[in-house]
C-alpha cells in the first residue's frame, strides 16, 4: 500500500508549507474529481 502513503502525505505537504487547509482541500477535490472521471470513463 505505498500508494496510500503517498496519497496521504501529498496533501499534507501544502498544509505544512502554507499553514492552511485550503491547498490540501483543493488537492483532495482534484484527486476525487480525477478518480470519478476515470471511473465514469471520461478519461
N, C-alpha and C. Protein backbone atom coordinates (compact mmCIF):
# COMPACT_ATOMS: atom_id res chain seq x y z
N UNK A 1 0.79 -1.19 0.00
CA UNK A 1 0.00 0.00 0.00
C UNK A 1 0.85 1.27 0.00
N UNK A 2 1.94 1.29 -0.73
CA UNK A 2 2.74 2.52 -0.79
C UNK A 2 1.97 3.69 -1.40
N UNK A 3 1.06 3.40 -2.35
CA UNK A 3 0.29 4.48 -2.96
C UNK A 3 -0.58 5.19 -1.92
N UNK A 4 -1.08 4.45 -0.93
CA UNK A 4 -1.89 5.06 0.12
C UNK A 4 -1.05 6.01 0.96
N UNK A 5 0.16 5.65 1.23
CA UNK A 5 1.06 6.53 1.98
C UNK A 5 1.34 7.80 1.19
N UNK A 6 1.64 7.65 -0.10
CA UNK A 6 1.93 8.82 -0.93
C UNK A 6 0.71 9.72 -1.02
N UNK A 7 -0.47 9.15 -1.26
CA UNK A 7 -1.68 9.96 -1.37
C UNK A 7 -2.10 10.56 -0.03
N UNK A 8 -1.61 10.01 1.06
CA UNK A 8 -1.87 10.60 2.36
C UNK A 8 -0.92 11.73 2.69
N UNK A 9 0.33 11.61 2.27
CA UNK A 9 1.33 12.63 2.56
C UNK A 9 1.29 13.79 1.56
N UNK A 10 0.87 13.51 0.34
CA UNK A 10 0.86 14.53 -0.70
C UNK A 10 0.03 15.75 -0.32
N UNK A 11 -1.22 15.62 0.15
CA UNK A 11 -1.97 16.81 0.55
C UNK A 11 -1.46 17.42 1.84
N UNK A 12 -0.72 16.69 2.62
CA UNK A 12 -0.18 17.23 3.87
C UNK A 12 0.95 18.21 3.66
N UNK A 13 1.67 18.06 2.55
CA UNK A 13 2.80 18.96 2.29
C UNK A 13 2.36 20.42 2.16
N UNK A 14 1.35 20.75 1.34
CA UNK A 14 0.95 22.17 1.26
C UNK A 14 0.39 22.69 2.58
N UNK A 15 -0.24 21.80 3.34
CA UNK A 15 -0.75 22.24 4.64
C UNK A 15 0.39 22.70 5.54
N UNK A 16 1.46 21.94 5.55
CA UNK A 16 2.62 22.33 6.36
C UNK A 16 3.30 23.56 5.80
N UNK A 17 3.36 23.66 4.48
CA UNK A 17 4.07 24.77 3.85
C UNK A 17 3.33 26.10 4.01
N UNK A 18 2.01 26.08 3.78
CA UNK A 18 1.23 27.33 3.78
C UNK A 18 0.44 27.54 5.07
N UNK A 19 0.45 26.56 5.95
CA UNK A 19 -0.27 26.62 7.23
C UNK A 19 -1.74 26.94 7.03
N UNK A 20 -2.34 26.30 6.04
CA UNK A 20 -3.75 26.47 5.73
C UNK A 20 -4.28 25.15 5.19
N UNK A 21 -5.53 24.88 5.46
CA UNK A 21 -6.12 23.64 4.94
C UNK A 21 -6.67 23.81 3.53
N UNK A 22 -6.75 25.04 3.04
CA UNK A 22 -7.32 25.29 1.71
C UNK A 22 -6.54 24.58 0.60
N UNK A 23 -5.21 24.69 0.53
CA UNK A 23 -4.49 23.96 -0.53
C UNK A 23 -4.69 22.45 -0.45
N UNK A 24 -4.74 21.91 0.75
CA UNK A 24 -4.97 20.47 0.90
C UNK A 24 -6.38 20.11 0.45
N UNK A 25 -7.33 20.96 0.74
CA UNK A 25 -8.71 20.74 0.31
C UNK A 25 -8.82 20.74 -1.20
N UNK A 26 -8.13 21.67 -1.85
CA UNK A 26 -8.14 21.74 -3.31
C UNK A 26 -7.52 20.49 -3.92
N UNK A 27 -6.38 20.06 -3.38
CA UNK A 27 -5.75 18.83 -3.89
C UNK A 27 -6.66 17.62 -3.70
N UNK A 28 -7.32 17.55 -2.57
CA UNK A 28 -8.21 16.43 -2.29
C UNK A 28 -9.38 16.43 -3.28
N UNK A 29 -9.95 17.59 -3.55
CA UNK A 29 -11.06 17.69 -4.51
C UNK A 29 -10.60 17.32 -5.92
N UNK A 30 -9.42 17.77 -6.31
CA UNK A 30 -8.87 17.42 -7.63
C UNK A 30 -8.66 15.92 -7.74
N UNK A 31 -8.13 15.31 -6.70
CA UNK A 31 -7.91 13.87 -6.70
C UNK A 31 -9.24 13.13 -6.82
N UNK A 32 -10.25 13.56 -6.07
CA UNK A 32 -11.56 12.91 -6.15
C UNK A 32 -12.17 13.09 -7.54
N UNK A 33 -12.02 14.27 -8.13
CA UNK A 33 -12.55 14.51 -9.46
C UNK A 33 -11.86 13.64 -10.50
N UNK A 34 -10.57 13.48 -10.38
CA UNK A 34 -9.82 12.63 -11.30
C UNK A 34 -10.27 11.17 -11.19
N UNK A 35 -10.41 10.69 -9.98
CA UNK A 35 -10.86 9.32 -9.77
C UNK A 35 -12.27 9.13 -10.32
N UNK A 36 -13.16 10.10 -10.09
CA UNK A 36 -14.52 9.99 -10.61
C UNK A 36 -14.53 10.00 -12.14
N UNK A 37 -13.71 10.85 -12.74
CA UNK A 37 -13.64 10.91 -14.20
C UNK A 37 -13.14 9.59 -14.78
N UNK A 38 -12.16 8.99 -14.14
CA UNK A 38 -11.65 7.70 -14.61
C UNK A 38 -12.70 6.62 -14.44
N UNK A 39 -13.39 6.64 -13.30
CA UNK A 39 -14.42 5.62 -13.03
C UNK A 39 -15.59 5.73 -14.01
N UNK A 40 -15.93 6.94 -14.41
CA UNK A 40 -17.05 7.13 -15.34
C UNK A 40 -16.64 6.97 -16.80
N UNK A 41 -15.35 6.79 -17.04
CA UNK A 41 -14.87 6.58 -18.39
C UNK A 41 -14.67 7.85 -19.19
N UNK A 42 -14.64 8.99 -18.50
CA UNK A 42 -14.42 10.26 -19.19
C UNK A 42 -12.96 10.36 -19.61
N UNK A 43 -12.06 9.87 -18.80
CA UNK A 43 -10.63 9.90 -19.13
C UNK A 43 -10.15 8.51 -19.46
